[in-house]
Amino acid sequence: MSNLKMILNDSTEVSLSEVNFPLHIVVVRDTRQEIIALWDALTSEALERVEFQENGETIFTFLNCAITGEQIVVNADGTLTGHYYLEGEREVSGESDYETAARILHGEEE
């Protein structure tokens, strides 16, 4: 199973269930307090630079991110799934195979 995480500008690490393009991150947390703590961590300063990693490898980085939407769903088992929609500028310093595949799947590249 992959270890997907988001590293905020202030070095806060956020474990993710998935990340999609355009920027849509999904997190699953056990309690409401954990979801609130995540929301509190997503400050404009923390979102100035956001690095996404899978299994310790940086797959892409975004700059000057802003949250454009959020949805929280309570699951049948009592956990919460948070969907966060972000916009930002992609930092280009080379592209991983994972990122290339994602862009092809989303029709952004042939």
Protein backbone atom coordinates (compact mmCIF):
# COMPACT_ATOMS: atom_id res chain seq x y z
CA MET A 1 0.00 0.00 0.00
CA SER A 2 1.35 3.41 -0.87
CA ASN A 3 2.24 6.02 1.69
CA LEU A 4 0.81 9.25 0.27
CA LYS A 5 1.36 12.52 2.09
CA MET A 6 1.30 16.26 1.71
CA ILE A 7 4.09 18.36 3.25
CA LEU A 8 3.05 21.93 4.00
CA ASN A 9 5.35 24.96 3.88
CA ASP A 10 5.72 24.85 7.69
CA SER A 11 6.86 21.16 7.46
CA THR A 12 3.55 19.79 8.74
CA GLU A 13 2.99 16.33 7.25
CA VAL A 14 -0.55 15.32 6.35
CA SER A 15 -1.29 11.69 5.45
CA LEU A 16 -3.61 11.42 2.46
CA SER A 17 -5.91 8.71 1.15
CA GLU A 18 -5.59 10.07 -2.39
CA VAL A 19 -4.74 13.12 -4.48
CA ASN A 20 -6.14 13.92 -7.91
CA PHE A 21 -5.82 16.60 -10.60
CA PRO A 22 -6.96 19.30 -10.54
CA LEU A 23 -5.86 19.45 -6.92
CA HIS A 24 -8.34 17.42 -4.92
CA ILE A 25 -7.04 15.77 -1.79
CA VAL A 26 -8.88 13.17 0.25
CA VAL A 27 -8.20 12.40 3.90
CA VAL A 28 -9.84 9.94 6.27
CA ARG A 29 -9.77 10.71 9.98
CA ASP A 30 -11.19 8.96 13.02
CA THR A 31 -12.59 12.00 14.81
CA ARG A 32 -14.10 15.38 14.18
CA GLN A 33 -11.29 16.95 16.19
CA GLU A 34 -8.72 15.51 13.74
CA ILE A 35 -10.61 17.05 10.79
CA ILE A 36 -10.78 20.40 12.61
CA ALA A 37 -7.04 20.22 13.41
CA LEU A 38 -6.32 19.60 9.72
CA TRP A 39 -8.48 22.57 8.70
CA ASP A 40 -6.61 24.73 11.23
CA ALA A 41 -3.27 23.60 9.74
CA LEU A 42 -4.26 24.64 6.20
CA THR A 43 -3.40 28.32 6.64
CA SER A 44 -2.43 30.57 3.75
CA GLU A 45 1.18 30.57 5.03
CA ALA A 46 1.28 26.77 5.22
CA LEU A 47 -0.14 26.53 1.69
CA GLU A 48 2.53 28.80 0.14
CA ARG A 49 4.45 25.65 -0.85
CA VAL A 50 2.90 22.18 -0.79
CA GLU A 51 4.87 19.08 -1.67
CA PHE A 52 3.16 15.78 -2.39
CA GLN A 53 5.06 12.56 -1.73
CA GLU A 54 4.35 8.91 -2.40
CA ASN A 55 6.47 6.35 -0.57
CA GLY A 56 8.98 9.08 0.32
CA GLU A 57 9.42 10.32 -3.26
CA THR A 58 8.26 13.80 -4.24
CA ILE A 59 5.72 13.41 -7.03
CA PHE A 60 4.89 17.10 -7.48
CA THR A 61 4.96 20.48 -5.74
CA PHE A 62 2.51 23.39 -5.85
CA LEU A 63 3.08 27.01 -4.86
CA ASN A 64 0.65 29.63 -3.56
CA CYS A 65 -2.19 27.21 -2.98
CA ALA A 66 -5.64 28.27 -1.85
CA ILE A 67 -8.58 26.15 -0.74
CA THR A 68 -11.49 26.59 -3.15
CA GLY A 69 -13.85 24.05 -1.60
CA GLU A 70 -14.28 21.52 1.16
CA GLN A 71 -16.65 18.66 1.87
CA ILE A 72 -16.75 16.45 4.95
CA VAL A 73 -18.62 13.14 4.87
CA VAL A 74 -19.42 11.02 7.93
CA ASN A 75 -18.90 7.38 7.04
CA ALA A 76 -21.02 4.46 8.30
CA ASP A 77 -18.18 3.36 10.62
CA GLY A 78 -18.04 6.81 12.24
CA THR A 79 -14.85 7.95 10.53
CA LEU A 80 -14.85 11.16 8.51
CA THR A 81 -13.70 11.64 4.92
CA GLY A 82 -12.54 15.14 4.04
CA HIS A 83 -12.41 16.34 0.45
CA TYR A 84 -10.37 19.52 -0.07
CA TYR A 85 -10.16 21.31 -3.41
CA LEU A 86 -7.13 23.54 -3.99
CA GLU A 87 -5.73 25.79 -6.67
CA GLY A 88 -2.08 26.68 -7.06
CA GLU A 89 0.86 27.03 -9.41
CA ARG A 90 2.69 23.81 -10.19
CA GLU A 91 6.42 24.00 -9.59
CA VAL A 92 8.13 22.43 -12.56
CA SER A 93 11.46 20.78 -11.82
CA GLY A 94 11.02 17.55 -13.68
CA GLU A 95 8.06 15.24 -13.77
CA SER A 96 7.75 11.81 -12.19
CA ASP A 97 6.24 8.85 -14.01
CA TYR A 98 3.30 9.02 -11.59
CA GLU A 99 2.57 12.63 -12.52
CA THR A 100 2.91 12.00 -16.25
CA ALA A 101 0.50 9.06 -16.00
CA ALA A 102 -2.01 11.16 -14.05
CA ARG A 103 -1.91 13.93 -16.64
CA ILE A 104 -2.40 11.43 -19.48
CA LEU A 105 -5.34 9.83 -17.68
CA HIS A 106 -6.96 13.24 -17.25
CA GLY A 107 -6.54 14.06 -20.94
CA GLU A 108 -4.01 16.83 -20.34
CA GLU A 109 -1.37 15.14 -22.48
CA GLU A 110 -1.25 12.62 -25.30
